[in-house]
Protein backbone atom coordinates (compact mmCIF):
# COMPACT_ATOMS: atom_id res chain seq x y z
CA UNK A 1 -5.79 26.56 -14.08
CA UNK A 2 -2.67 25.17 -12.79
CA UNK A 3 0.38 24.88 -15.27
CA UNK A 4 0.91 20.96 -14.19
CA UNK A 5 -3.14 21.22 -15.97
CA UNK A 6 -2.17 23.24 -18.03
CA UNK A 7 1.23 21.15 -19.49
CA UNK A 8 -0.20 17.79 -18.87
CA UNK A 9 -0.11 15.83 -22.00
CA UNK A 10 -3.41 14.21 -21.27
CA UNK A 11 -5.11 18.06 -21.48
CA UNK A 12 -3.45 18.31 -24.95
CA UNK A 13 -4.89 14.47 -25.30
CA UNK A 14 -8.15 15.70 -24.62
CA UNK A 15 -8.09 18.87 -26.56
CA UNK A 16 -6.84 16.72 -29.60
CA UNK A 17 -9.63 14.11 -29.03
CA UNK A 18 -12.52 16.81 -28.76
CA UNK A 19 -11.32 18.16 -31.65
CA UNK A 20 -12.15 15.35 -33.63
CA UNK A 21 -15.07 14.36 -32.47
CA UNK A 22 -16.70 17.92 -33.16
CA UNK A 23 -15.77 17.45 -37.11
CA UNK A 24 -17.17 13.73 -37.22
CA UNK A 25 -20.50 14.90 -35.79
CA UNK A 26 -20.69 18.06 -38.12
CA UNK A 27 -19.81 15.54 -40.66
CA UNK A 28 -22.65 13.49 -39.66
CA UNK A 29 -25.06 15.85 -39.92
CA UNK A 30 -23.98 17.00 -42.96
CA UNK A 31 -24.27 13.16 -44.04
CA UNK A 32 -27.89 13.42 -42.37
CA UNK A 33 -29.20 16.42 -44.31
CA UNK A 34 -27.89 14.64 -47.62
CA UNK A 35 -29.96 11.57 -46.82
CA UNK A 36 -27.19 9.49 -46.33
CA UNK A 37 -28.01 7.68 -43.14
CA UNK A 38 -24.91 4.77 -43.50
CA UNK A 39 -22.39 7.23 -43.08
CA UNK A 40 -24.05 9.52 -40.85
CA UNK A 41 -24.49 6.92 -38.34
CA UNK A 42 -20.69 6.15 -38.95
CA UNK A 43 -19.27 9.72 -38.57
CA UNK A 44 -21.62 10.27 -35.51
CA UNK A 45 -20.60 6.87 -33.74
CA UNK A 46 -16.98 7.94 -34.14
CA UNK A 47 -17.89 11.10 -33.19
CA UNK A 48 -18.88 9.86 -29.96
CA UNK A 49 -15.96 7.80 -29.41
CA UNK A 50 -13.52 10.58 -29.82
CA UNK A 51 -15.77 12.37 -27.24
CA UNK A 52 -15.82 9.76 -24.51
CA UNK A 53 -11.92 9.83 -25.42
CA UNK A 54 -11.68 13.37 -24.75
CA UNK A 55 -13.85 12.96 -22.05
CA UNK A 56 -11.52 10.46 -19.99
CA UNK A 57 -8.39 12.27 -20.90
CA UNK A 58 -9.85 15.17 -19.54
CA UNK A 59 -10.97 13.68 -16.33
CA UNK A 60 -7.85 12.08 -15.84
CA UNK A 61 -5.97 14.99 -16.05
CA UNK A 62 -8.15 16.74 -13.27
CA UNK A 63 -7.41 13.20 -10.88
CA UNK A 64 -4.13 13.65 -11.77
CA UNK A 65 -3.53 17.25 -10.35
CA UNK A 66 -1.69 16.71 -6.72
CA UNK A 67 -0.03 13.63 -7.76
CA UNK A 68 3.71 13.04 -8.38
CA UNK A 69 5.78 11.30 -11.21
CA UNK A 70 7.41 8.48 -9.89
CA UNK A 71 11.12 7.47 -10.45
CA UNK A 72 13.07 5.49 -9.12
CA UNK A 73 13.39 6.94 -5.70
CA UNK A 74 11.66 10.28 -4.12
CA UNK A 75 12.00 12.19 -1.65
CA UNK A 76 7.93 13.33 -0.95
CA UNK A 77 8.21 16.04 1.63
CA UNK A 78 10.97 16.51 4.51
CA UNK A 79 9.31 16.06 8.05
CA UNK A 80 10.84 17.71 11.49
CA UNK A 81 9.16 16.64 14.21
CA UNK A 82 9.21 18.65 17.79
CA UNK A 83 8.13 17.03 21.20
CA UNK A 84 5.39 19.19 23.12
CA UNK A 85 5.10 17.06 25.85
CA UNK A 86 4.13 13.47 26.79
CA UNK A 87 2.84 12.09 24.06
CA UNK A 88 2.72 15.22 22.07
CA UNK A 89 4.58 17.13 19.30
CA UNK A 90 4.90 19.17 15.90
CA UNK A 91 4.88 17.91 12.97
CA UNK A 92 6.39 20.30 10.43
CA UNK A 93 5.48 19.13 6.55
CA UNK A 94 7.96 20.71 3.52
CA UNK A 95 6.19 18.89 0.99
CA UNK A 96 8.04 18.44 -2.75
CA UNK A 97 6.54 21.27 -4.04
CA UNK A 98 7.44 23.62 -1.59
CA UNK A 99 4.33 23.57 -0.08
CA UNK A 100 5.09 23.79 4.53
CA UNK A 101 2.18 22.75 6.26
CA UNK A 102 2.44 22.21 10.84
CA UNK A 103 0.35 19.82 12.64
CA UNK A 104 0.22 18.77 16.48
CA UNK A 105 0.15 15.51 16.63
CA UNK A 106 -0.34 13.32 19.89
CA UNK A 107 1.06 9.83 19.90
CA UNK A 108 4.40 7.78 20.66
CA UNK A 109 4.99 7.39 16.71
CA UNK A 110 4.21 9.65 13.54
CA UNK A 111 2.73 7.59 10.56
CA UNK A 112 2.47 8.77 6.90
CA UNK A 113 0.69 7.06 3.88
CA UNK A 114 0.13 7.43 0.48
CA UNK A 115 -1.87 6.42 -2.67
CA UNK A 116 0.20 5.40 -5.59
CA UNK A 117 -1.13 4.37 -9.04
CA UNK A 118 0.22 2.73 -11.43
CA UNK A 119 -1.12 3.22 -15.39
CA UNK A 120 -0.75 0.38 -18.21
CA UNK A 121 1.82 0.58 -20.25
CA UNK A 122 -0.19 1.85 -22.92
CA UNK A 123 -0.89 4.54 -21.02
CA UNK A 124 2.63 5.25 -20.61
CA UNK A 125 2.62 5.82 -23.93
CA UNK A 126 0.62 9.01 -22.69
CA UNK A 127 3.22 10.10 -20.35
CA UNK A 128 1.53 8.70 -17.50
CA UNK A 129 3.66 6.69 -15.28
CA UNK A 130 3.51 5.72 -11.49
CA UNK A 131 2.30 8.15 -9.87
CA UNK A 132 1.78 9.07 -6.19
CA UNK A 133 -0.34 11.48 -3.46
CA UNK A 134 0.81 11.90 0.05
CA UNK A 135 -2.51 11.21 2.15
CA UNK A 136 -2.40 11.44 5.85
CA UNK A 137 -0.24 11.48 8.90
CA UNK A 138 -0.89 11.05 11.95
CA UNK A 139 -0.20 10.25 15.57
CA UNK A 140 0.53 6.54 16.73
CA UNK A 141 0.95 4.82 19.98
CA UNK A 142 3.30 2.18 21.13
CA UNK A 143 0.37 -0.04 23.53
CA UNK A 144 -3.08 -0.88 21.78
CA UNK A 145 -4.78 0.23 24.73
CA UNK A 146 -3.21 3.61 24.20
CA UNK A 147 -4.10 3.47 20.42
CA UNK A 148 -8.05 2.16 21.30
CA UNK A 149 -8.48 4.69 23.71
CA UNK A 150 -6.36 7.64 23.70
CA UNK A 151 -6.78 10.73 21.77
CA UNK A 152 -6.27 10.51 18.21
CA UNK A 153 -5.25 13.18 15.98
CA UNK A 154 -5.31 11.89 11.89
CA UNK A 155 -4.40 15.03 9.44
CA UNK A 156 -5.19 15.27 5.55
CA UNK A 157 -2.29 16.02 3.47
CA UNK A 158 -3.53 15.32 0.03
CA UNK A 159 -4.97 18.46 -1.91
CA UNK A 160 -7.61 19.30 -2.79
CA UNK A 161 -8.99 18.26 -6.47
CA UNK A 162 -11.78 17.66 -7.92
CA UNK A 163 -11.81 14.83 -9.37
CA UNK A 164 -10.99 11.63 -6.43
CA UNK A 165 -9.23 9.29 -9.52
CA UNK A 166 -8.03 7.46 -6.44
CA UNK A 167 -10.80 7.06 -4.81
CA UNK A 168 -13.19 6.88 -8.18
CA UNK A 169 -10.24 3.17 -9.38
CA UNK A 170 -11.75 2.03 -6.10
CA UNK A 171 -15.14 2.42 -6.49
CA UNK A 172 -15.09 1.68 -10.89
CA UNK A 173 -14.26 -1.10 -12.73
CA UNK A 174 -14.30 1.14 -15.60
CA UNK A 175 -10.69 2.37 -15.17
CA UNK A 176 -9.30 -0.73 -15.13
CA UNK A 177 -8.29 -0.87 -18.54
CA UNK A 178 -6.13 2.45 -18.03
CA UNK A 179 -4.98 1.72 -14.36
CA UNK A 180 -3.37 -0.99 -13.71
CA UNK A 181 -2.98 -1.17 -9.36
CA UNK A 182 -4.02 1.41 -6.85
CA UNK A 183 -2.62 0.42 -3.74
CA UNK A 184 -2.28 2.09 -0.37
CA UNK A 185 1.59 2.26 1.39
CA UNK A 186 2.37 3.42 4.86
CA UNK A 187 5.66 4.20 7.21
CA UNK A 188 5.90 5.44 10.52
CA UNK A 189 8.97 5.88 13.51
CA UNK A 190 9.20 6.60 16.97
CA UNK A 191 9.33 10.35 18.47
CA UNK A 192 11.17 10.21 21.60
CA UNK A 193 13.50 14.05 20.80
CA UNK A 194 13.49 16.72 17.65
CA UNK A 195 14.33 15.22 14.39
CA UNK A 196 13.97 15.58 10.93
CA UNK A 197 13.26 12.75 8.64
CA UNK A 198 12.43 11.98 4.27
CA UNK A 199 9.38 10.68 3.85
CA UNK A 200 10.32 8.95 0.54
CA UNK A 201 8.69 6.59 -1.99
CA UNK A 202 10.45 3.97 -3.44
CA UNK A 203 9.77 0.75 -5.50
CA UNK A 204 8.20 -1.18 -2.32
CA UNK A 205 6.30 1.65 -1.33
CA UNK A 206 6.87 4.59 1.33
CA UNK A 207 9.59 5.09 3.93
CA UNK A 208 11.87 7.15 6.37
CA UNK A 209 15.11 8.32 6.94
CA UNK A 210 17.52 10.36 8.73
CA UNK A 211 17.56 13.78 7.06
CA UNK A 212 20.86 15.27 6.68
CA UNK A 213 20.76 19.11 7.88
CA UNK A 214 19.43 21.74 5.88
CA UNK A 215 22.66 23.62 4.64
CA UNK A 216 22.24 27.79 5.28
């Protein structure tokens, strides 16, 4: 289990709801043994509700692994581009969490997109704020004809996770009371020589800016 998951307030909420639900269910069983059907029904329903809340909090905690909390404008990754030949280049991605990945890309431009989740105000009280995860890096051609016929390269930037929260929100309406909005954002820049860019997440979505040289 990652430290990100262990330290998540959602994990503590899931544990608290789970303990409360278990206590209520045991209380319901005790009430049943004492022939108190009304108390049994109330405690059992309350316990099941608490356990449902625990399951929801746990699911959100697991689904949010790999997402980064968003402030005003965050550097999501640093992108180093090196031409390899006509319409071919390498892209070295240095993520904000320290991961590094290298991809070979075909095209005239480099394209990056991300998933962004915005939470409802009451979810902010649990420490959930607008969050993002880089999703894909791809090549893009200037000419539409080449977009249709030339080789395409698409690489996943997202981390594998047991629960795809972004996908769940798109498929199921039951998360609507928690997630206010989910959307994608993308940006691209031409590759005409060696260059370094910062992939940033702003209030309007993704953007790329020329990066300052790394101090050695």
